[in-house]
Amino acid sequence: MDRIEKQWLQRLSQGPLSVYALLDSQDASLPEFFHLLQRWLQQGLVRLEHGRVALTEQGQALARQLGVFYEPVRCPHCQGTGYVLGPRLEQVYQRYLALTRERPRVKAEYDQGFIDPLGVMRRVAFMYERGDLTDTQIFIVGDDDLLSLAAALTGLPRRIMVMDIDQDLIAFIQRMAAAHQLPIEARVIDVQYALPEDLQGQFDVFVTDPVETLPGIELFLSRGASALRGVGSAGYFGLTTLEASRRKWYRIQSMLLQMGFVITDIRRQFNVYPDTEGNFFAFQDKLPIVQHLGVPTDHDWYRSAFYRIEAVEPPRPAVTGTRILDDAVYRDEESWATPHYGTSAE
């Protein structure tokens, strides 16, 4: 029995569970999860009824044999992230909520989706703790989360530049920045093409949430790396285990080393993409995992880890010229939570 199966037994030993809650409690990628579920159903270890998974008598016997039990071990006050907001950041959070109330709806053609607002603030808190907010210039490759607004509201960054392909999103950020006198610039820039010369080598920090195929991640991280000044500059990006298996994580981490970065932090399941109005779950009927399971989502299961990397050598972007976003950049055999595969990106 492998580690993932032990996670399943532990979680299911408390009783029947939504299939999406089970998905959220373990580390397998979406294809691995589905195939293991099919195997356990065939072996008679679980039953699946009305979207809920339960151990059969055979499964319960196996759990007893292994001495398995379920007990929550993660902090109930911070969603297991280890980060809470102090009074100053709580004020920023309330202002951020007000500014983003009329945010543009996500667009399937750009493969958009945003994390929950409190998750955005936890990212800001993490960046603040690591010394990457105060008096820095920050470059954001795609800003579905509107992190630029949250970071700017702290009053700490000197400059924030946002690049995104979505004209509506860029216009919204520009309006909010002008109305509230925030140090944010936002430009419509297509990630397929090299950064404009005036943005290369100018920034202390980049942030992005890349497409989770290897060509996509390589492209997004390369654009971020191209914007950095040099040694000591930092990058942040989100990465799931749902659409990126451990083998893919290995290749991504090898890529980072080749680009001159060291991984300083990985915050597991740091952010959740909530099933709220206007988010990518509006397209859930197009998600392969939902199609395979045959039941609608009933749990906020799409979570990502948050990486921090730091340049220990002059950054060496893996992609410096044009890379056209074809289907291979958007989709691979693990892309089971990607609702649309378009031809343009952030």
Foldseek 3Di string as FASTA:
>chain_A
DDPQVLQLLQVQLVDKDALLVNLQRGQAALVVSLVVVVVCVVVQQWDADQRIIHGDPVVNVVCVVVVHYYDDDADPPQRNQPDDDDPLLVVLLVVVCVLCVPAAFDDLQALDFEFDSVLLSRVLVVCVVVVNQAAWEEEEEDPSHPSLSSSQSSVGYPAYEYEWQDPSRQVSNVVSCVVVVTRYHYDHDFLQFADPPVQFLAGQEYEYEWQPFVLGVLSSVLNRLRRHNFAFRKYKYWAGSHLAPPVNVVVVQVVQVVQQKDWDDKRAQSTFGDPDPRGPLVLVVQQQSCVSVVHRDDDRRDTIIMTMIGGRGGGDRPDRGGDWQDQSNNDDPSRRGRRHRHGTYD
